[in-house]
């Protein structure tokens, strides 16, 4: 019986590995299909987009920006890395051989990430629920406090975690954050901080549209730390910020203003309604102004 179970588990791992690798191959095929279609204008961030592992065009934007860094260390940190295949730093790990730390609080996703990426990439996979109080643990594990790229997507207290990340002394060169388009283009707001938000999720409380931070809220936070807003991607998923000191001033100066806001394509598709109506549906939820 025990031998049969071991054989089954071994078969399951092999099956998952081959499924995972097929997804990796699909991601590379998608990147190969979309990347050559670009007509790159160095001044226009939207012209850099292509998608392989990222939800939208982030792979292209990140790839272009990292090649413009004056002092790259070829290191990335991502909080909310999923299983390592669909996120904002997988392209760097797989295609560019970047060293990385990928963090996710879901044990199953972290284990899948470790199983798929560890044999192929230089990735430290960390399983932990990140909050504003455990940045010291991340700092001990991190190779650099100034990674080329920092990304966060945890569909919850993203604002408070990112704020704590910067206050802990991290100084990433490029920041990629998912924003909640249901909060609209101009309100500088985030959700109320709740320590047990992820425990609530495990009890099947779906976040709906009450999560994260508005794009204006992100702009407010990062501008205080010297970051320049670059653009949101064309599908309204992520916002991109750079530390201007890490790039040639001529490059920074000639950058055109990208998209300041775009409604999230998947949220609109799922709910079949506009961000204004989604925001109205949250009128009884506690919201915090980001100042």
C-alpha atoms as a PDB file:
ATOM      1  CA  UNK A   1       0.000   0.000   0.000  1.00  0.00           C
ATOM      2  CA  UNK A   2       2.763   2.424   0.996  1.00  0.00           C
ATOM      3  CA  UNK A   3       4.712   1.603  -2.174  1.00  0.00           C
ATOM      4  CA  UNK A   4       1.590   2.195  -4.255  1.00  0.00           C
ATOM      5  CA  UNK A   5       1.063   5.606  -2.646  1.00  0.00           C
ATOM      6  CA  UNK A   6       4.704   6.541  -3.231  1.00  0.00           C
ATOM      7  CA  UNK A   7       4.422   5.508  -6.870  1.00  0.00           C
ATOM      8  CA  UNK A   8       1.259   7.591  -7.209  1.00  0.00           C
ATOM      9  CA  UNK A   9       2.891  10.658  -5.647  1.00  0.00           C
ATOM     10  CA  UNK A  10       5.944  10.242  -7.855  1.00  0.00           C
ATOM     11  CA  UNK A  11       3.704   9.980 -10.906  1.00  0.00           C
ATOM     12  CA  UNK A  12       1.755  13.074  -9.788  1.00  0.00           C
ATOM     13  CA  UNK A  13       4.985  15.075  -9.434  1.00  0.00           C
ATOM     14  CA  UNK A  14       6.161  14.022 -12.865  1.00  0.00           C
ATOM     15  CA  UNK A  15       2.768  14.844 -14.362  1.00  0.00           C
ATOM     16  CA  UNK A  16       2.746  18.278 -12.731  1.00  0.00           C
ATOM     17  CA  UNK A  17       6.291  18.929 -13.880  1.00  0.00           C
ATOM     18  CA  UNK A  18       5.412  18.189 -17.506  1.00  0.00           C
ATOM     19  CA  UNK A  19       2.223  20.285 -17.254  1.00  0.00           C
ATOM     20  CA  UNK A  20       4.247  23.111 -15.736  1.00  0.00           C
ATOM     21  CA  UNK A  21       6.887  22.901 -18.424  1.00  0.00           C
ATOM     22  CA  UNK A  22       4.194  22.977 -21.095  1.00  0.00           C
ATOM     23  CA  UNK A  23       2.972  26.224 -19.559  1.00  0.00           C
ATOM     24  CA  UNK A  24       6.526  27.577 -19.622  1.00  0.00           C
ATOM     25  CA  UNK A  25       6.790  26.641 -23.287  1.00  0.00           C
ATOM     26  CA  UNK A  26       3.458  28.342 -23.964  1.00  0.00           C
ATOM     27  CA  UNK A  27       4.721  31.481 -22.214  1.00  0.00           C
ATOM     28  CA  UNK A  28       7.842  31.536 -24.394  1.00  0.00           C
ATOM     29  CA  UNK A  29       5.723  30.923 -27.492  1.00  0.00           C
ATOM     30  CA  UNK A  30       3.453  33.834 -26.531  1.00  0.00           C
ATOM     31  CA  UNK A  31       6.481  36.064 -25.995  1.00  0.00           C
ATOM     32  CA  UNK A  32       7.948  34.976 -29.330  1.00  0.00           C
ATOM     33  CA  UNK A  33       4.653  35.763 -31.046  1.00  0.00           C
ATOM     34  CA  UNK A  34       4.087  39.193 -29.480  1.00  0.00           C
ATOM     35  CA  UNK A  35       7.614  40.573 -29.100  1.00  0.00           C
ATOM     36  CA  UNK A  36       8.447  40.889 -32.828  1.00  0.00           C
ATOM     37  CA  UNK A  37       5.196  42.780 -33.457  1.00  0.00           C
ATOM     38  CA  UNK A  38       6.402  45.744 -31.436  1.00  0.00           C
ATOM     39  CA  UNK A  39       7.571  48.963 -33.056  1.00  0.00           C
ATOM     40  CA  UNK A  40       9.762  50.169 -30.239  1.00  0.00           C
ATOM     41  CA  UNK A  41       9.899  53.870 -29.536  1.00  0.00           C
ATOM     42  CA  UNK A  42      12.393  54.485 -26.721  1.00  0.00           C
ATOM     43  CA  UNK A  43      10.300  57.417 -25.531  1.00  0.00           C
ATOM     44  CA  UNK A  44       6.972  55.506 -25.371  1.00  0.00           C
ATOM     45  CA  UNK A  45       6.591  52.847 -22.619  1.00  0.00           C
ATOM     46  CA  UNK A  46       3.528  51.263 -24.255  1.00  0.00           C
ATOM     47  CA  UNK A  47       5.575  50.415 -27.342  1.00  0.00           C
ATOM     48  CA  UNK A  48       7.801  48.177 -25.203  1.00  0.00           C
ATOM     49  CA  UNK A  49       5.011  45.784 -24.192  1.00  0.00           C
ATOM     50  CA  UNK A  50       4.940  42.076 -24.815  1.00  0.00           C
ATOM     51  CA  UNK A  51       3.524  39.272 -22.701  1.00  0.00           C
ATOM     52  CA  UNK A  52       4.972  35.860 -21.964  1.00  0.00           C
ATOM     53  CA  UNK A  53       4.734  35.158 -18.244  1.00  0.00           C
ATOM     54  CA  UNK A  54       3.121  38.447 -17.148  1.00  0.00           C
ATOM     55  CA  UNK A  55      -0.646  39.016 -17.046  1.00  0.00           C
ATOM     56  CA  UNK A  56      -0.411  41.819 -19.570  1.00  0.00           C
ATOM     57  CA  UNK A  57       2.463  43.593 -21.346  1.00  0.00           C
ATOM     58  CA  UNK A  58       4.690  43.843 -18.294  1.00  0.00           C
ATOM     59  CA  UNK A  59       7.354  41.437 -19.551  1.00  0.00           C
ATOM     60  CA  UNK A  60       8.235  43.817 -22.357  1.00  0.00           C
ATOM     61  CA  UNK A  61       8.264  46.935 -20.177  1.00  0.00           C
ATOM     62  CA  UNK A  62      10.406  45.266 -17.507  1.00  0.00           C
ATOM     63  CA  UNK A  63      12.753  43.723 -20.070  1.00  0.00           C
ATOM     64  CA  UNK A  64      13.314  47.089 -21.771  1.00  0.00           C
ATOM     65  CA  UNK A  65      13.832  49.012 -18.524  1.00  0.00           C
ATOM     66  CA  UNK A  66      16.302  46.527 -17.018  1.00  0.00           C
ATOM     67  CA  UNK A  67      18.460  46.857 -20.121  1.00  0.00           C
ATOM     68  CA  UNK A  68      18.605  50.629 -19.532  1.00  0.00           C
ATOM     69  CA  UNK A  69      19.840  50.424 -15.928  1.00  0.00           C
ATOM     70  CA  UNK A  70      23.204  52.038 -15.260  1.00  0.00           C
ATOM     71  CA  UNK A  71      24.219  49.646 -12.469  1.00  0.00           C
ATOM     72  CA  UNK A  72      22.172  46.437 -12.754  1.00  0.00           C
ATOM     73  CA  UNK A  73      22.657  43.689 -10.181  1.00  0.00           C
ATOM     74  CA  UNK A  74      20.423  41.229 -12.062  1.00  0.00           C
ATOM     75  CA  UNK A  75      18.282  40.523  -9.003  1.00  0.00           C
ATOM     76  CA  UNK A  76      14.514  40.716  -8.452  1.00  0.00           C
ATOM     77  CA  UNK A  77      12.101  40.330  -5.559  1.00  0.00           C
ATOM     78  CA  UNK A  78       8.446  39.477  -6.061  1.00  0.00           C
ATOM     79  CA  UNK A  79       5.782  39.262  -3.357  1.00  0.00           C
ATOM     80  CA  UNK A  80       2.791  37.266  -4.554  1.00  0.00           C
ATOM     81  CA  UNK A  81       4.695  35.182  -7.094  1.00  0.00           C
ATOM     82  CA  UNK A  82       2.012  32.509  -7.535  1.00  0.00           C
ATOM     83  CA  UNK A  83       3.505  29.243  -8.810  1.00  0.00           C
ATOM     84  CA  UNK A  84       6.387  31.026 -10.519  1.00  0.00           C
ATOM     85  CA  UNK A  85       5.005  30.874 -14.038  1.00  0.00           C
ATOM     86  CA  UNK A  86       2.454  33.693 -14.201  1.00  0.00           C
ATOM     87  CA  UNK A  87       4.068  36.694 -12.550  1.00  0.00           C
ATOM     88  CA  UNK A  88       6.201  39.755 -13.314  1.00  0.00           C
ATOM     89  CA  UNK A  89       9.690  38.340 -12.718  1.00  0.00           C
ATOM     90  CA  UNK A  90       9.506  34.867 -14.295  1.00  0.00           C
ATOM     91  CA  UNK A  91      10.646  36.274 -17.657  1.00  0.00           C
ATOM     92  CA  UNK A  92      13.790  37.620 -16.027  1.00  0.00           C
ATOM     93  CA  UNK A  93      14.430  34.319 -14.241  1.00  0.00           C
ATOM     94  CA  UNK A  94      13.806  32.029 -17.213  1.00  0.00           C
ATOM     95  CA  UNK A  95      14.916  34.092 -20.207  1.00  0.00           C
ATOM     96  CA  UNK A  96      17.488  36.474 -18.700  1.00  0.00           C
ATOM     97  CA  UNK A  97      18.922  34.177 -15.994  1.00  0.00           C
ATOM     98  CA  UNK A  98      18.249  36.722 -13.259  1.00  0.00           C
ATOM     99  CA  UNK A  99      18.694  35.699  -9.637  1.00  0.00           C
ATOM    100  CA  UNK A 100      15.406  36.142  -7.800  1.00  0.00           C
ATOM    101  CA  UNK A 101      13.426  35.817  -4.611  1.00  0.00           C
ATOM    102  CA  UNK A 102       9.823  34.755  -5.149  1.00  0.00           C
ATOM    103  CA  UNK A 103       7.500  34.919  -2.150  1.00  0.00           C
ATOM    104  CA  UNK A 104       4.013  33.465  -1.812  1.00  0.00           C
ATOM    105  CA  UNK A 105       1.915  32.627   1.230  1.00  0.00           C
ATOM    106  CA  UNK A 106       0.134  29.663  -0.352  1.00  0.00           C
ATOM    107  CA  UNK A 107       2.094  26.501   0.501  1.00  0.00           C
ATOM    108  CA  UNK A 108       0.894  24.644  -2.575  1.00  0.00           C
ATOM    109  CA  UNK A 109       1.843  27.467  -4.938  1.00  0.00           C
ATOM    110  CA  UNK A 110       5.222  27.974  -3.269  1.00  0.00           C
ATOM    111  CA  UNK A 111       5.963  24.255  -3.503  1.00  0.00           C
ATOM    112  CA  UNK A 112       5.024  24.199  -7.189  1.00  0.00           C
ATOM    113  CA  UNK A 113       7.230  27.221  -7.781  1.00  0.00           C
ATOM    114  CA  UNK A 114      10.142  25.534  -6.013  1.00  0.00           C
ATOM    115  CA  UNK A 115       9.599  22.281  -7.891  1.00  0.00           C
ATOM    116  CA  UNK A 116       9.424  23.953 -11.310  1.00  0.00           C
ATOM    117  CA  UNK A 117      11.979  26.745 -11.042  1.00  0.00           C
ATOM    118  CA  UNK A 118      14.675  25.463  -8.691  1.00  0.00           C
ATOM    119  CA  UNK A 119      16.177  22.967 -11.172  1.00  0.00           C
ATOM    120  CA  UNK A 120      16.217  25.572 -13.957  1.00  0.00           C
ATOM    121  CA  UNK A 121      16.618  29.032 -12.409  1.00  0.00           C
ATOM    122  CA  UNK A 122      18.516  30.835  -9.677  1.00  0.00           C
ATOM    123  CA  UNK A 123      15.431  31.445  -7.561  1.00  0.00           C
ATOM    124  CA  UNK A 124      14.969  31.447  -3.795  1.00  0.00           C
ATOM    125  CA  UNK A 125      11.362  30.431  -3.160  1.00  0.00           C
ATOM    126  CA  UNK A 126      10.005  31.664   0.174  1.00  0.00           C
ATOM    127  CA  UNK A 127       6.654  30.565   1.581  1.00  0.00           C
ATOM    128  CA  UNK A 128       5.311  33.208   3.946  1.00  0.00           C
ATOM    129  CA  UNK A 129       2.391  35.574   4.375  1.00  0.00           C
ATOM    130  CA  UNK A 130       4.041  38.972   4.169  1.00  0.00           C
ATOM    131  CA  UNK A 131       2.821  41.804   6.357  1.00  0.00           C
ATOM    132  CA  UNK A 132       4.187  45.156   7.462  1.00  0.00           C
ATOM    133  CA  UNK A 133       5.843  43.577  10.511  1.00  0.00           C
ATOM    134  CA  UNK A 134       8.023  40.866   8.953  1.00  0.00           C
ATOM    135  CA  UNK A 135      10.192  42.874   6.545  1.00  0.00           C
ATOM    136  CA  UNK A 136      13.226  42.040   8.666  1.00  0.00           C
ATOM    137  CA  UNK A 137      12.872  38.391   7.718  1.00  0.00           C
ATOM    138  CA  UNK A 138      12.766  39.260   4.022  1.00  0.00           C
ATOM    139  CA  UNK A 139      15.776  41.536   4.367  1.00  0.00           C
ATOM    140  CA  UNK A 140      17.798  38.727   5.940  1.00  0.00           C
ATOM    141  CA  UNK A 141      16.970  36.431   3.038  1.00  0.00           C
ATOM    142  CA  UNK A 142      17.479  39.008   0.261  1.00  0.00           C
ATOM    143  CA  UNK A 143      20.764  39.118  -1.669  1.00  0.00           C
ATOM    144  CA  UNK A 144      20.384  42.848  -2.334  1.00  0.00           C
ATOM    145  CA  UNK A 145      18.354  45.632  -0.754  1.00  0.00           C
ATOM    146  CA  UNK A 146      18.324  47.444  -4.115  1.00  0.00           C
ATOM    147  CA  UNK A 147      16.987  44.838  -6.548  1.00  0.00           C
ATOM    148  CA  UNK A 148      16.631  45.775 -10.183  1.00  0.00           C
ATOM    149  CA  UNK A 149      12.936  44.910  -9.969  1.00  0.00           C
ATOM    150  CA  UNK A 150      10.435  44.714  -7.126  1.00  0.00           C
ATOM    151  CA  UNK A 151       6.910  43.500  -7.814  1.00  0.00           C
ATOM    152  CA  UNK A 152       3.925  43.015  -5.528  1.00  0.00           C
ATOM    153  CA  UNK A 153       0.544  41.451  -6.253  1.00  0.00           C
ATOM    154  CA  UNK A 154      -1.214  39.982  -3.214  1.00  0.00           C
ATOM    155  CA  UNK A 155      -4.785  41.234  -3.741  1.00  0.00           C
ATOM    156  CA  UNK A 156      -5.048  42.597  -0.231  1.00  0.00           C
ATOM    157  CA  UNK A 157      -2.917  44.865   1.935  1.00  0.00           C
ATOM    158  CA  UNK A 158      -0.503  45.577  -0.934  1.00  0.00           C
ATOM    159  CA  UNK A 159      -0.140  49.254  -0.023  1.00  0.00           C
ATOM    160  CA  UNK A 160       0.871  48.572   3.596  1.00  0.00           C
ATOM    161  CA  UNK A 161       3.361  45.880   2.589  1.00  0.00           C
ATOM    162  CA  UNK A 162       4.969  48.030  -0.129  1.00  0.00           C
ATOM    163  CA  UNK A 163       5.192  50.985   2.261  1.00  0.00           C
ATOM    164  CA  UNK A 164       6.849  48.805   4.912  1.00  0.00           C
ATOM    165  CA  UNK A 165       9.188  47.373   2.263  1.00  0.00           C
ATOM    166  CA  UNK A 166      10.521  50.831   1.439  1.00  0.00           C
ATOM    167  CA  UNK A 167      10.645  51.945   5.068  1.00  0.00           C
ATOM    168  CA  UNK A 168      12.705  48.848   5.898  1.00  0.00           C
ATOM    169  CA  UNK A 169      15.479  50.225   3.694  1.00  0.00           C
ATOM    170  CA  UNK A 170      14.785  48.503   0.398  1.00  0.00           C
ATOM    171  CA  UNK A 171      15.404  50.709  -2.635  1.00  0.00           C
ATOM    172  CA  UNK A 172      14.439  48.895  -5.837  1.00  0.00           C
ATOM    173  CA  UNK A 173      15.328  50.474  -9.153  1.00  0.00           C
ATOM    174  CA  UNK A 174      12.057  49.495 -10.871  1.00  0.00           C
ATOM    175  CA  UNK A 175       8.744  48.946  -9.063  1.00  0.00           C
ATOM    176  CA  UNK A 176       5.775  47.092 -10.531  1.00  0.00           C
ATOM    177  CA  UNK A 177       2.495  47.050  -8.609  1.00  0.00           C
ATOM    178  CA  UNK A 178      -0.967  45.810  -9.437  1.00  0.00           C
ATOM    179  CA  UNK A 179      -3.514  48.575  -8.916  1.00  0.00           C
ATOM    180  CA  UNK A 180      -7.231  48.288  -8.305  1.00  0.00           C
ATOM    181  CA  UNK A 181      -8.954  50.043 -11.199  1.00  0.00           C
ATOM    182  CA  UNK A 182     -12.307  49.819  -9.377  1.00  0.00           C
ATOM    183  CA  UNK A 183     -11.021  52.695  -7.207  1.00  0.00           C
ATOM    184  CA  UNK A 184     -10.879  54.911 -10.290  1.00  0.00           C
ATOM    185  CA  UNK A 185      -8.166  57.189 -11.724  1.00  0.00           C
ATOM    186  CA  UNK A 186      -8.088  60.073  -9.258  1.00  0.00           C
ATOM    187  CA  UNK A 187      -8.912  58.899  -5.715  1.00  0.00           C
ATOM    188  CA  UNK A 188      -5.782  58.302  -3.631  1.00  0.00           C
ATOM    189  CA  UNK A 189      -7.138  55.418  -1.526  1.00  0.00           C
ATOM    190  CA  UNK A 190      -6.495  51.915  -0.252  1.00  0.00           C
ATOM    191  CA  UNK A 191      -8.362  49.376   1.861  1.00  0.00           C
ATOM    192  CA  UNK A 192      -8.340  49.376   5.633  1.00  0.00           C
ATOM    193  CA  UNK A 193      -5.405  47.464   7.093  1.00  0.00           C
ATOM    194  CA  UNK A 194      -6.444  44.053   8.414  1.00  0.00           C
ATOM    195  CA  UNK A 195      -3.834  41.665   9.813  1.00  0.00           C
ATOM    196  CA  UNK A 196      -6.056  38.615   9.360  1.00  0.00           C
ATOM    197  CA  UNK A 197      -7.150  39.343   5.791  1.00  0.00           C
ATOM    198  CA  UNK A 198      -5.489  36.226   4.374  1.00  0.00           C
ATOM    199  CA  UNK A 199      -6.904  33.996   7.106  1.00  0.00           C
ATOM    200  CA  UNK A 200     -10.307  35.305   6.058  1.00  0.00           C
ATOM    201  CA  UNK A 201      -9.511  34.368   2.461  1.00  0.00           C
ATOM    202  CA  UNK A 202      -8.695  30.822   3.537  1.00  0.00           C
ATOM    203  CA  UNK A 203     -12.198  30.689   5.011  1.00  0.00           C
ATOM    204  CA  UNK A 204     -13.465  31.342   1.481  1.00  0.00           C
ATOM    205  CA  UNK A 205     -14.136  35.048   1.834  1.00  0.00           C
ATOM    206  CA  UNK A 206     -13.500  36.186  -1.721  1.00  0.00           C
ATOM    207  CA  UNK A 207     -11.981  39.693  -1.953  1.00  0.00           C
ATOM    208  CA  UNK A 208     -14.303  40.769  -4.762  1.00  0.00           C
ATOM    209  CA  UNK A 209     -13.212  44.295  -5.695  1.00  0.00           C
ATOM    210  CA  UNK A 210     -12.271  45.341  -2.153  1.00  0.00           C
ATOM    211  CA  UNK A 211      -8.506  44.943  -2.241  1.00  0.00           C
ATOM    212  CA  UNK A 212      -5.273  46.740  -2.940  1.00  0.00           C
ATOM    213  CA  UNK A 213      -4.642  50.364  -3.780  1.00  0.00           C
ATOM    214  CA  UNK A 214      -5.701  52.885  -6.413  1.00  0.00           C
ATOM    215  CA  UNK A 215      -3.207  53.989  -9.042  1.00  0.00           C
ATOM    216  CA  UNK A 216      -3.302  57.492  -7.575  1.00  0.00           C
ATOM    217  CA  UNK A 217      -2.542  56.044  -4.140  1.00  0.00           C
ATOM    218  CA  UNK A 218       0.514  54.286  -5.526  1.00  0.00           C
ATOM    219  CA  UNK A 219       1.669  57.506  -7.147  1.00  0.00           C
ATOM    220  CA  UNK A 220       1.360  59.314  -3.818  1.00  0.00           C
ATOM    221  CA  UNK A 221       3.353  56.677  -1.945  1.00  0.00           C
ATOM    222  CA  UNK A 222       6.193  56.225  -4.397  1.00  0.00           C
ATOM    223  CA  UNK A 223       6.656  59.921  -5.177  1.00  0.00           C
ATOM    224  CA  UNK A 224       7.545  60.429  -1.511  1.00  0.00           C
ATOM    225  CA  UNK A 225      10.442  58.001  -1.978  1.00  0.00           C
ATOM    226  CA  UNK A 226      11.767  59.656  -5.112  1.00  0.00           C
ATOM    227  CA  UNK A 227      10.152  57.450  -7.747  1.00  0.00           C
ATOM    228  CA  UNK A 228       8.849  58.615 -11.100  1.00  0.00           C
ATOM    229  CA  UNK A 229       5.566  57.235 -12.422  1.00  0.00           C
ATOM    230  CA  UNK A 230       6.048  55.762 -15.868  1.00  0.00           C
ATOM    231  CA  UNK A 231       2.785  54.210 -17.078  1.00  0.00           C
ATOM    232  CA  UNK A 232       0.120  51.603 -16.511  1.00  0.00           C
ATOM    233  CA  UNK A 233      -0.029  48.755 -19.000  1.00  0.00           C
ATOM    234  CA  UNK A 234      -2.549  48.790 -21.819  1.00  0.00           C
ATOM    235  CA  UNK A 235      -4.828  46.212 -20.123  1.00  0.00           C
ATOM    236  CA  UNK A 236      -5.077  48.075 -16.813  1.00  0.00           C
ATOM    237  CA  UNK A 237      -3.305  45.533 -14.611  1.00  0.00           C
ATOM    238  CA  UNK A 238       0.016  46.983 -13.372  1.00  0.00           C
ATOM    239  CA  UNK A 239       1.581  50.376 -12.756  1.00  0.00           C
ATOM    240  CA  UNK A 240       5.305  50.990 -13.320  1.00  0.00           C
ATOM    241  CA  UNK A 241       7.660  53.285 -11.424  1.00  0.00           C
ATOM    242  CA  UNK A 242      11.380  53.958 -11.764  1.00  0.00           C
ATOM    243  CA  UNK A 243      14.099  55.510  -9.630  1.00  0.00           C
ATOM    244  CA  UNK A 244      15.383  58.189 -12.062  1.00  0.00           C
ATOM    245  CA  UNK A 245      18.862  58.105 -10.524  1.00  0.00           C
ATOM    246  CA  UNK A 246      19.358  54.563 -11.811  1.00  0.00           C
ATOM    247  CA  UNK A 247      19.008  55.586 -15.466  1.00  0.00           C
ATOM    248  CA  UNK A 248      20.755  57.898 -17.875  1.00  0.00           C
ATOM    249  CA  UNK A 249      19.207  61.368 -17.324  1.00  0.00           C
ATOM    250  CA  UNK A 250      18.852  61.806 -21.098  1.00  0.00           C
ATOM    251  CA  UNK A 251      16.735  58.649 -21.284  1.00  0.00           C
ATOM    252  CA  UNK A 252      14.527  59.741 -18.381  1.00  0.00           C
ATOM    253  CA  UNK A 253      14.100  63.244 -19.752  1.00  0.00           C
ATOM    254  CA  UNK A 254      12.874  62.144 -23.170  1.00  0.00           C
ATOM    255  CA  UNK A 255      10.324  59.632 -21.840  1.00  0.00           C
ATOM    256  CA  UNK A 256       6.792  60.414 -22.924  1.00  0.00           C
ATOM    257  CA  UNK A 257       4.006  60.277 -20.389  1.00  0.00           C
ATOM    258  CA  UNK A 258       2.417  56.848 -20.585  1.00  0.00           C
ATOM    259  CA  UNK A 259      -1.124  55.855 -19.694  1.00  0.00           C
ATOM    260  CA  UNK A 260      -2.164  57.353 -16.361  1.00  0.00           C
ATOM    261  CA  UNK A 261      -5.111  54.957 -15.946  1.00  0.00           C
ATOM    262  CA  UNK A 262      -6.816  52.099 -17.732  1.00  0.00           C
ATOM    263  CA  UNK A 263      -9.741  50.030 -16.492  1.00  0.00           C
ATOM    264  CA  UNK A 264      -8.700  46.452 -15.758  1.00  0.00           C
ATOM    265  CA  UNK A 265      -9.766  44.312 -18.711  1.00  0.00           C
ATOM    266  CA  UNK A 266     -10.415  41.121 -16.726  1.00  0.00           C
ATOM    267  CA  UNK A 267     -12.385  42.908 -13.981  1.00  0.00           C
ATOM    268  CA  UNK A 268     -14.607  44.572 -16.576  1.00  0.00           C
ATOM    269  CA  UNK A 269     -15.078  41.240 -18.375  1.00  0.00           C
ATOM    270  CA  UNK A 270     -15.886  39.371 -15.142  1.00  0.00           C
ATOM    271  CA  UNK A 271     -18.341  41.867 -13.632  1.00  0.00           C
ATOM    272  CA  UNK A 272     -19.688  43.260 -16.923  1.00  0.00           C
ATOM    273  CA  UNK A 273     -19.806  46.765 -15.520  1.00  0.00           C
ATOM    274  CA  UNK A 274     -17.688  49.915 -15.225  1.00  0.00           C
ATOM    275  CA  UNK A 275     -15.309  50.882 -12.435  1.00  0.00           C
ATOM    276  CA  UNK A 276     -17.716  53.638 -11.350  1.00  0.00           C
ATOM    277  CA  UNK A 277     -20.420  51.081 -10.540  1.00  0.00           C
ATOM    278  CA  UNK A 278     -17.920  48.765  -8.877  1.00  0.00           C
ATOM    279  CA  UNK A 279     -16.718  51.629  -6.706  1.00  0.00           C
ATOM    280  CA  UNK A 280     -20.315  52.419  -5.770  1.00  0.00           C
ATOM    281  CA  UNK A 281     -20.723  48.805  -4.649  1.00  0.00           C
ATOM    282  CA  UNK A 282     -18.000  49.418  -2.029  1.00  0.00           C
ATOM    283  CA  UNK A 283     -19.701  52.411  -0.400  1.00  0.00           C
ATOM    284  CA  UNK A 284     -20.113  50.520   2.884  1.00  0.00           C
ATOM    285  CA  UNK A 285     -16.493  49.318   2.954  1.00  0.00           C
ATOM    286  CA  UNK A 286     -13.876  51.225   4.988  1.00  0.00           C
ATOM    287  CA  UNK A 287     -11.438  53.063   2.697  1.00  0.00           C
ATOM    288  CA  UNK A 288      -8.293  54.907   3.754  1.00  0.00           C
ATOM    289  CA  UNK A 289      -6.950  58.025   2.072  1.00  0.00           C
ATOM    290  CA  UNK A 290      -3.309  57.797   1.028  1.00  0.00           C
ATOM    291  CA  UNK A 291      -1.611  61.110   1.777  1.00  0.00           C
END
